[in-house]
């Protein structure tokens, strides 16, 4: 099982992050404690969307899509 998640910075609301993990609560704590170099600067983070996938390959494909040009547009329209 894998989670794809979208986060928004509470301190800098224009900053967003898309990621995936097998343990979402632990990963969110890592983002908010500064353990992730990319997200440490914009702490704290809050969840906007968290999707659970039973198929890891589909989760990875969806994360890649959200990080692509058309995926950015999709996320902006539906999630942000």
PDB file of N, CA and C in Angstrom:
ATOM      1  N   UNK A   1       0.836  -1.162   0.000  1.00  0.00           N
ATOM      2  CA  UNK A   1       0.000   0.000   0.000  1.00  0.00           C
ATOM      3  C   UNK A   1       0.893   1.242   0.000  1.00  0.00           C
ATOM      4  N   UNK A   2       0.489   2.231  -0.766  1.00  0.00           N
ATOM      5  CA  UNK A   2       1.283   3.464  -0.902  1.00  0.00           C
ATOM      6  C   UNK A   2       0.348   4.662  -0.898  1.00  0.00           C
ATOM      7  N   UNK A   3       0.843   5.771  -0.358  1.00  0.00           N
ATOM      8  CA  UNK A   3       0.084   7.014  -0.302  1.00  0.00           C
ATOM      9  C   UNK A   3       0.737   8.050  -1.208  1.00  0.00           C
ATOM     10  N   UNK A   4      -0.081   8.782  -1.940  1.00  0.00           N
ATOM     11  CA  UNK A   4       0.359   9.963  -2.678  1.00  0.00           C
ATOM     12  C   UNK A   4      -0.276  11.140  -1.957  1.00  0.00           C
ATOM     13  N   UNK A   5       0.534  12.150  -1.642  1.00  0.00           N
ATOM     14  CA  UNK A   5       0.012  13.248  -0.835  1.00  0.00           C
ATOM     15  C   UNK A   5       0.420  14.598  -1.410  1.00  0.00           C
ATOM     16  N   UNK A   6      -0.424  15.576  -1.159  1.00  0.00           N
ATOM     17  CA  UNK A   6      -0.170  16.954  -1.551  1.00  0.00           C
ATOM     18  C   UNK A   6      -0.190  17.796  -0.291  1.00  0.00           C
ATOM     19  N   UNK A   7       0.867  18.568  -0.104  1.00  0.00           N
ATOM     20  CA  UNK A   7       1.002  19.400   1.088  1.00  0.00           C
ATOM     21  C   UNK A   7       1.068  20.867   0.693  1.00  0.00           C
ATOM     22  N   UNK A   8       0.616  21.735   1.603  1.00  0.00           N
ATOM     23  CA  UNK A   8       0.753  23.177   1.435  1.00  0.00           C
ATOM     24  C   UNK A   8       1.444  23.719   2.687  1.00  0.00           C
ATOM     25  N   UNK A   9       2.370  24.623   2.477  1.00  0.00           N
ATOM     26  CA  UNK A   9       3.072  25.246   3.592  1.00  0.00           C
ATOM     27  C   UNK A   9       2.140  26.223   4.297  1.00  0.00           C
ATOM     28  N   UNK A  10       2.102  26.155   5.611  1.00  0.00           N
ATOM     29  CA  UNK A  10       1.304  27.112   6.375  1.00  0.00           C
ATOM     30  C   UNK A  10       2.021  28.450   6.504  1.00  0.00           C
ATOM     31  N   UNK A  11       3.351  28.440   6.503  1.00  0.00           N
ATOM     32  CA  UNK A  11       4.114  29.678   6.639  1.00  0.00           C
ATOM     33  C   UNK A  11       4.271  30.419   5.310  1.00  0.00           C
ATOM     34  N   UNK A  12       4.249  29.671   4.194  1.00  0.00           N
ATOM     35  CA  UNK A  12       4.365  30.242   2.846  1.00  0.00           C
ATOM     36  C   UNK A  12       3.331  29.552   1.965  1.00  0.00           C
ATOM     37  N   UNK A  13       2.074  30.011   1.997  1.00  0.00           N
ATOM     38  CA  UNK A  13       0.983  29.298   1.312  1.00  0.00           C
ATOM     39  C   UNK A  13       1.164  29.068  -0.189  1.00  0.00           C
ATOM     40  N   UNK A  14       2.071  29.797  -0.827  1.00  0.00           N
ATOM     41  CA  UNK A  14       2.324  29.556  -2.247  1.00  0.00           C
ATOM     42  C   UNK A  14       3.196  28.332  -2.485  1.00  0.00           C
ATOM     43  N   UNK A  15       3.807  27.802  -1.426  1.00  0.00           N
ATOM     44  CA  UNK A  15       4.679  26.627  -1.548  1.00  0.00           C
ATOM     45  C   UNK A  15       3.855  25.356  -1.378  1.00  0.00           C
ATOM     46  N   UNK A  16       4.000  24.457  -2.339  1.00  0.00           N
ATOM     47  CA  UNK A  16       3.293  23.179  -2.291  1.00  0.00           C
ATOM     48  C   UNK A  16       4.298  22.057  -2.512  1.00  0.00           C
ATOM     49  N   UNK A  17       3.888  20.849  -2.156  1.00  0.00           N
ATOM     50  CA  UNK A  17       4.763  19.695  -2.299  1.00  0.00           C
ATOM     51  C   UNK A  17       3.920  18.473  -2.609  1.00  0.00           C
ATOM     52  N   UNK A  18       4.405  17.647  -3.524  1.00  0.00           N
ATOM     53  CA  UNK A  18       3.764  16.371  -3.875  1.00  0.00           C
ATOM     54  C   UNK A  18       4.764  15.271  -3.580  1.00  0.00           C
ATOM     55  N   UNK A  19       4.317  14.223  -2.890  1.00  0.00           N
ATOM     56  CA  UNK A  19       5.209  13.116  -2.584  1.00  0.00           C
ATOM     57  C   UNK A  19       4.446  11.819  -2.438  1.00  0.00           C
ATOM     58  N   UNK A  20       5.177  10.742  -2.171  1.00  0.00           N
ATOM     59  CA  UNK A  20       4.543   9.452  -1.927  1.00  0.00           C
ATOM     60  C   UNK A  20       5.343   8.706  -0.866  1.00  0.00           C
ATOM     61  N   UNK A  21       4.663   7.815  -0.162  1.00  0.00           N
ATOM     62  CA  UNK A  21       5.280   7.075   0.925  1.00  0.00           C
ATOM     63  C   UNK A  21       4.440   5.865   1.281  1.00  0.00           C
ATOM     64  N   UNK A  22       5.022   4.956   2.005  1.00  0.00           N
ATOM     65  CA  UNK A  22       4.290   3.810   2.519  1.00  0.00           C
ATOM     66  C   UNK A  22       3.730   4.060   3.913  1.00  0.00           C
ATOM     67  N   UNK A  23       4.244   5.096   4.605  1.00  0.00           N
ATOM     68  CA  UNK A  23       3.803   5.418   5.966  1.00  0.00           C
ATOM     69  C   UNK A  23       3.551   6.922   6.035  1.00  0.00           C
ATOM     70  N   UNK A  24       2.334   7.341   5.701  1.00  0.00           N
ATOM     71  CA  UNK A  24       2.036   8.764   5.593  1.00  0.00           C
ATOM     72  C   UNK A  24       2.198   9.528   6.912  1.00  0.00           C
ATOM     73  N   UNK A  25       1.648   9.066   8.035  1.00  0.00           N
ATOM     74  CA  UNK A  25       1.811   9.844   9.276  1.00  0.00           C
ATOM     75  C   UNK A  25       3.289  10.089   9.630  1.00  0.00           C
ATOM     76  N   UNK A  26       4.116   9.075   9.467  1.00  0.00           N
ATOM     77  CA  UNK A  26       5.544   9.220   9.756  1.00  0.00           C
ATOM     78  C   UNK A  26       6.187  10.228   8.804  1.00  0.00           C
ATOM     79  N   UNK A  27       5.823  10.158   7.533  1.00  0.00           N
ATOM     80  CA  UNK A  27       6.419  11.055   6.531  1.00  0.00           C
ATOM     81  C   UNK A  27       6.025  12.504   6.788  1.00  0.00           C
ATOM     82  N   UNK A  28       4.778  12.753   7.154  1.00  0.00           N
ATOM     83  CA  UNK A  28       4.351  14.119   7.454  1.00  0.00           C
ATOM     84  C   UNK A  28       5.137  14.667   8.650  1.00  0.00           C
ATOM     85  N   UNK A  29       5.354  13.839   9.656  1.00  0.00           N
ATOM     86  CA  UNK A  29       6.161  14.261  10.808  1.00  0.00           C
ATOM     87  C   UNK A  29       7.579  14.622  10.373  1.00  0.00           C
ATOM     88  N   UNK A  30       8.142  13.849   9.439  1.00  0.00           N
ATOM     89  CA  UNK A  30       9.486  14.141   8.939  1.00  0.00           C
ATOM     90  C   UNK A  30       9.516  15.497   8.228  1.00  0.00           C
ATOM     91  N   UNK A  31       8.497  15.774   7.415  1.00  0.00           N
ATOM     92  CA  UNK A  31       8.437  17.077   6.734  1.00  0.00           C
ATOM     93  C   UNK A  31       8.356  18.202   7.760  1.00  0.00           C
ATOM     94  N   UNK A  32       7.539  18.034   8.775  1.00  0.00           N
ATOM     95  CA  UNK A  32       7.324  19.097   9.756  1.00  0.00           C
ATOM     96  C   UNK A  32       8.442  19.223  10.786  1.00  0.00           C
ATOM     97  N   UNK A  33       9.285  18.216  10.902  1.00  0.00           N
ATOM     98  CA  UNK A  33      10.413  18.310  11.837  1.00  0.00           C
ATOM     99  C   UNK A  33      11.695  18.783  11.147  1.00  0.00           C
ATOM    100  N   UNK A  34      11.641  18.973   9.829  1.00  0.00           N
ATOM    101  CA  UNK A  34      12.804  19.465   9.093  1.00  0.00           C
ATOM    102  C   UNK A  34      13.730  18.390   8.585  1.00  0.00           C
ATOM    103  N   UNK A  35      13.326  17.124   8.637  1.00  0.00           N
ATOM    104  CA  UNK A  35      14.181  16.024   8.182  1.00  0.00           C
ATOM    105  C   UNK A  35      14.280  15.927   6.663  1.00  0.00           C
ATOM    106  N   UNK A  36      13.354  16.562   5.952  1.00  0.00           N
ATOM    107  CA  UNK A  36      13.380  16.539   4.494  1.00  0.00           C
ATOM    108  C   UNK A  36      14.001  17.854   4.005  1.00  0.00           C
ATOM    109  N   UNK A  37      15.160  17.808   3.349  1.00  0.00           N
ATOM    110  CA  UNK A  37      15.851  19.041   2.956  1.00  0.00           C
ATOM    111  C   UNK A  37      15.003  19.996   2.107  1.00  0.00           C
ATOM    112  N   UNK A  38      14.217  19.452   1.188  1.00  0.00           N
ATOM    113  CA  UNK A  38      13.437  20.321   0.299  1.00  0.00           C
ATOM    114  C   UNK A  38      12.334  21.058   1.050  1.00  0.00           C
ATOM    115  N   UNK A  39      11.703  20.408   2.008  1.00  0.00           N
ATOM    116  CA  UNK A  39      10.550  21.014   2.671  1.00  0.00           C
ATOM    117  C   UNK A  39      10.880  21.693   3.999  1.00  0.00           C
ATOM    118  N   UNK A  40      12.081  21.522   4.515  1.00  0.00           N
ATOM    119  CA  UNK A  40      12.439  22.061   5.835  1.00  0.00           C
ATOM    120  C   UNK A  40      12.259  23.577   5.916  1.00  0.00           C
ATOM    121  N   UNK A  41      12.581  24.260   4.869  1.00  0.00           N
ATOM    122  CA  UNK A  41      12.547  25.726   4.855  1.00  0.00           C
ATOM    123  C   UNK A  41      11.138  26.300   5.000  1.00  0.00           C
ATOM    124  N   UNK A  42      10.139  25.562   4.579  1.00  0.00           N
ATOM    125  CA  UNK A  42       8.776  26.095   4.530  1.00  0.00           C
ATOM    126  C   UNK A  42       7.841  25.488   5.569  1.00  0.00           C
ATOM    127  N   UNK A  43       8.395  24.938   6.652  1.00  0.00           N
ATOM    128  CA  UNK A  43       7.572  24.337   7.707  1.00  0.00           C
ATOM    129  C   UNK A  43       6.694  25.375   8.364  1.00  0.00           C
ATOM    130  N   UNK A  44       5.602  24.991   8.947  1.00  0.00           N
ATOM    131  CA  UNK A  44       4.978  23.659   8.970  1.00  0.00           C
ATOM    132  C   UNK A  44       4.139  23.413   7.714  1.00  0.00           C
ATOM    133  N   UNK A  45       3.868  22.141   7.477  1.00  0.00           N
ATOM    134  CA  UNK A  45       3.081  21.699   6.327  1.00  0.00           C
ATOM    135  C   UNK A  45       1.758  21.131   6.798  1.00  0.00           C
ATOM    136  N   UNK A  46       0.731  21.295   5.955  1.00  0.00           N
ATOM    137  CA  UNK A  46      -0.557  20.663   6.244  1.00  0.00           C
ATOM    138  C   UNK A  46      -0.998  19.883   5.016  1.00  0.00           C
ATOM    139  N   UNK A  47      -1.742  18.836   5.252  1.00  0.00           N
ATOM    140  CA  UNK A  47      -2.237  17.988   4.173  1.00  0.00           C
ATOM    141  C   UNK A  47      -3.359  18.690   3.430  1.00  0.00           C
ATOM    142  N   UNK A  48      -3.310  18.608   2.118  1.00  0.00           N
ATOM    143  CA  UNK A  48      -4.402  19.089   1.282  1.00  0.00           C
ATOM    144  C   UNK A  48      -5.180  17.872   0.772  1.00  0.00           C
ATOM    145  N   UNK A  49      -4.449  16.878   0.263  1.00  0.00           N
ATOM    146  CA  UNK A  49      -5.043  15.644  -0.242  1.00  0.00           C
ATOM    147  C   UNK A  49      -4.098  14.495   0.082  1.00  0.00           C
ATOM    148  N   UNK A  50      -4.658  13.370   0.520  1.00  0.00           N
ATOM    149  CA  UNK A  50      -3.898  12.140   0.726  1.00  0.00           C
ATOM    150  C   UNK A  50      -4.690  11.015   0.069  1.00  0.00           C
ATOM    151  N   UNK A  51      -4.069  10.339  -0.883  1.00  0.00           N
ATOM    152  CA  UNK A  51      -4.724   9.244  -1.603  1.00  0.00           C
ATOM    153  C   UNK A  51      -3.991   7.949  -1.305  1.00  0.00           C
ATOM    154  N   UNK A  52      -4.747   6.908  -0.992  1.00  0.00           N
ATOM    155  CA  UNK A  52      -4.151   5.598  -0.720  1.00  0.00           C
ATOM    156  C   UNK A  52      -4.332   4.703  -1.943  1.00  0.00           C
ATOM    157  N   UNK A  53      -3.259   4.060  -2.350  1.00  0.00           N
ATOM    158  CA  UNK A  53      -3.269   3.136  -3.479  1.00  0.00           C
ATOM    159  C   UNK A  53      -2.892   1.746  -2.986  1.00  0.00           C
ATOM    160  N   UNK A  54      -3.621   0.748  -3.431  1.00  0.00           N
ATOM    161  CA  UNK A  54      -3.257  -0.634  -3.126  1.00  0.00           C
ATOM    162  C   UNK A  54      -2.137  -1.115  -4.044  1.00  0.00           C
ATOM    163  N   UNK A  55      -2.018  -0.485  -5.199  1.00  0.00           N
ATOM    164  CA  UNK A  55      -1.022  -0.857  -6.203  1.00  0.00           C
ATOM    165  C   UNK A  55       0.105   0.176  -6.189  1.00  0.00           C
ATOM    166  N   UNK A  56       1.300  -0.231  -5.757  1.00  0.00           N
ATOM    167  CA  UNK A  56       2.440   0.691  -5.656  1.00  0.00           C
ATOM    168  C   UNK A  56       2.803   1.312  -7.004  1.00  0.00           C
ATOM    169  N   UNK A  57       2.719   0.544  -8.074  1.00  0.00           N
ATOM    170  CA  UNK A  57       3.077   1.076  -9.393  1.00  0.00           C
ATOM    171  C   UNK A  57       2.114   2.171  -9.828  1.00  0.00           C
ATOM    172  N   UNK A  58       0.845   2.001  -9.526  1.00  0.00           N
ATOM    173  CA  UNK A  58      -0.125   3.049  -9.870  1.00  0.00           C
ATOM    174  C   UNK A  58       0.116   4.304  -9.040  1.00  0.00           C
ATOM    175  N   UNK A  59       0.488   4.135  -7.786  1.00  0.00           N
ATOM    176  CA  UNK A  59       0.800   5.285  -6.932  1.00  0.00           C
ATOM    177  C   UNK A  59       2.005   6.043  -7.488  1.00  0.00           C
ATOM    178  N   UNK A  60       3.047   5.313  -7.867  1.00  0.00           N
ATOM    179  CA  UNK A  60       4.237   5.954  -8.419  1.00  0.00           C
ATOM    180  C   UNK A  60       3.911   6.679  -9.722  1.00  0.00           C
ATOM    181  N   UNK A  61       3.081   6.071 -10.554  1.00  0.00           N
ATOM    182  CA  UNK A  61       2.690   6.703 -11.816  1.00  0.00           C
ATOM    183  C   UNK A  61       1.880   7.969 -11.566  1.00  0.00           C
ATOM    184  N   UNK A  62       0.980   7.943 -10.579  1.00  0.00           N
ATOM    185  CA  UNK A  62       0.166   9.118 -10.283  1.00  0.00           C
ATOM    186  C   UNK A  62       1.031  10.240  -9.710  1.00  0.00           C
ATOM    187  N   UNK A  63       1.980   9.900  -8.859  1.00  0.00           N
ATOM    188  CA  UNK A  63       2.892  10.923  -8.328  1.00  0.00           C
ATOM    189  C   UNK A  63       3.684  11.558  -9.472  1.00  0.00           C
ATOM    190  N   UNK A  64       4.226  10.744 -10.378  1.00  0.00           N
ATOM    191  CA  UNK A  64       4.964  11.285 -11.532  1.00  0.00           C
ATOM    192  C   UNK A  64       4.070  12.201 -12.363  1.00  0.00           C
ATOM    193  N   UNK A  65       2.826  11.782 -12.559  1.00  0.00           N
ATOM    194  CA  UNK A  65       1.877  12.595 -13.328  1.00  0.00           C
ATOM    195  C   UNK A  65       1.670  13.952 -12.650  1.00  0.00           C
ATOM    196  N   UNK A  66       1.440  13.952 -11.327  1.00  0.00           N
ATOM    197  CA  UNK A  66       1.199  15.211 -10.615  1.00  0.00           C
ATOM    198  C   UNK A  66       2.398  16.146 -10.683  1.00  0.00           C
ATOM    199  N   UNK A  67       3.584  15.594 -10.869  1.00  0.00           N
ATOM    200  CA  UNK A  67       4.794  16.408 -10.961  1.00  0.00           C
ATOM    201  C   UNK A  67       5.091  16.844 -12.398  1.00  0.00           C
ATOM    202  N   UNK A  68       4.277  16.397 -13.354  1.00  0.00           N
ATOM    203  CA  UNK A  68       4.448  16.777 -14.760  1.00  0.00           C
ATOM    204  C   UNK A  68       3.661  18.060 -15.043  1.00  0.00           C
ATOM    205  N   UNK A  69       3.836  18.598 -16.222  1.00  0.00           N
ATOM    206  CA  UNK A  69       3.133  19.826 -16.603  1.00  0.00           C
ATOM    207  C   UNK A  69       1.620  19.694 -16.560  1.00  0.00           C
ATOM    208  N   UNK A  70       1.085  18.668 -17.196  1.00  0.00           N
ATOM    209  CA  UNK A  70      -0.370  18.502 -17.190  1.00  0.00           C
ATOM    210  C   UNK A  70      -0.872  18.101 -15.806  1.00  0.00           C
ATOM    211  N   UNK A  71      -0.041  17.393 -15.045  1.00  0.00           N
ATOM    212  CA  UNK A  71      -0.407  17.033 -13.681  1.00  0.00           C
ATOM    213  C   UNK A  71      -0.476  18.245 -12.772  1.00  0.00           C
ATOM    214  N   UNK A  72       0.439  19.206 -12.987  1.00  0.00           N
ATOM    215  CA  UNK A  72       0.385  20.455 -12.220  1.00  0.00           C
ATOM    216  C   UNK A  72      -0.941  21.164 -12.489  1.00  0.00           C
ATOM    217  N   UNK A  73      -1.330  21.209 -13.755  1.00  0.00           N
ATOM    218  CA  UNK A  73      -2.597  21.869 -14.122  1.00  0.00           C
ATOM    219  C   UNK A  73      -3.777  21.136 -13.492  1.00  0.00           C
ATOM    220  N   UNK A  74      -3.752  19.807 -13.521  1.00  0.00           N
ATOM    221  CA  UNK A  74      -4.822  19.007 -12.913  1.00  0.00           C
ATOM    222  C   UNK A  74      -4.919  19.297 -11.412  1.00  0.00           C
ATOM    223  N   UNK A  75      -3.782  19.275 -10.727  1.00  0.00           N
ATOM    224  CA  UNK A  75      -3.772  19.513  -9.283  1.00  0.00           C
ATOM    225  C   UNK A  75      -4.256  20.927  -8.961  1.00  0.00           C
ATOM    226  N   UNK A  76      -3.846  21.892  -9.758  1.00  0.00           N
ATOM    227  CA  UNK A  76      -4.274  23.272  -9.534  1.00  0.00           C
ATOM    228  C   UNK A  76      -5.789  23.399  -9.675  1.00  0.00           C
ATOM    229  N   UNK A  77      -6.350  22.741 -10.669  1.00  0.00           N
ATOM    230  CA  UNK A  77      -7.787  22.782 -10.908  1.00  0.00           C
ATOM    231  C   UNK A  77      -8.586  22.061  -9.826  1.00  0.00           C
ATOM    232  N   UNK A  78      -8.075  20.915  -9.344  1.00  0.00           N
ATOM    233  CA  UNK A  78      -8.870  20.066  -8.488  1.00  0.00           C
ATOM    234  C   UNK A  78      -8.478  20.050  -7.003  1.00  0.00           C
ATOM    235  N   UNK A  79      -7.244  20.382  -6.693  1.00  0.00           N
ATOM    236  CA  UNK A  79      -6.777  20.228  -5.324  1.00  0.00           C
ATOM    237  C   UNK A  79      -6.339  21.522  -4.652  1.00  0.00           C
ATOM    238  N   UNK A  80      -5.662  22.383  -5.358  1.00  0.00           N
ATOM    239  CA  UNK A  80      -5.148  23.599  -4.728  1.00  0.00           C
ATOM    240  C   UNK A  80      -6.239  24.631  -4.737  1.00  0.00           C
TER     241      UNK A  80
END
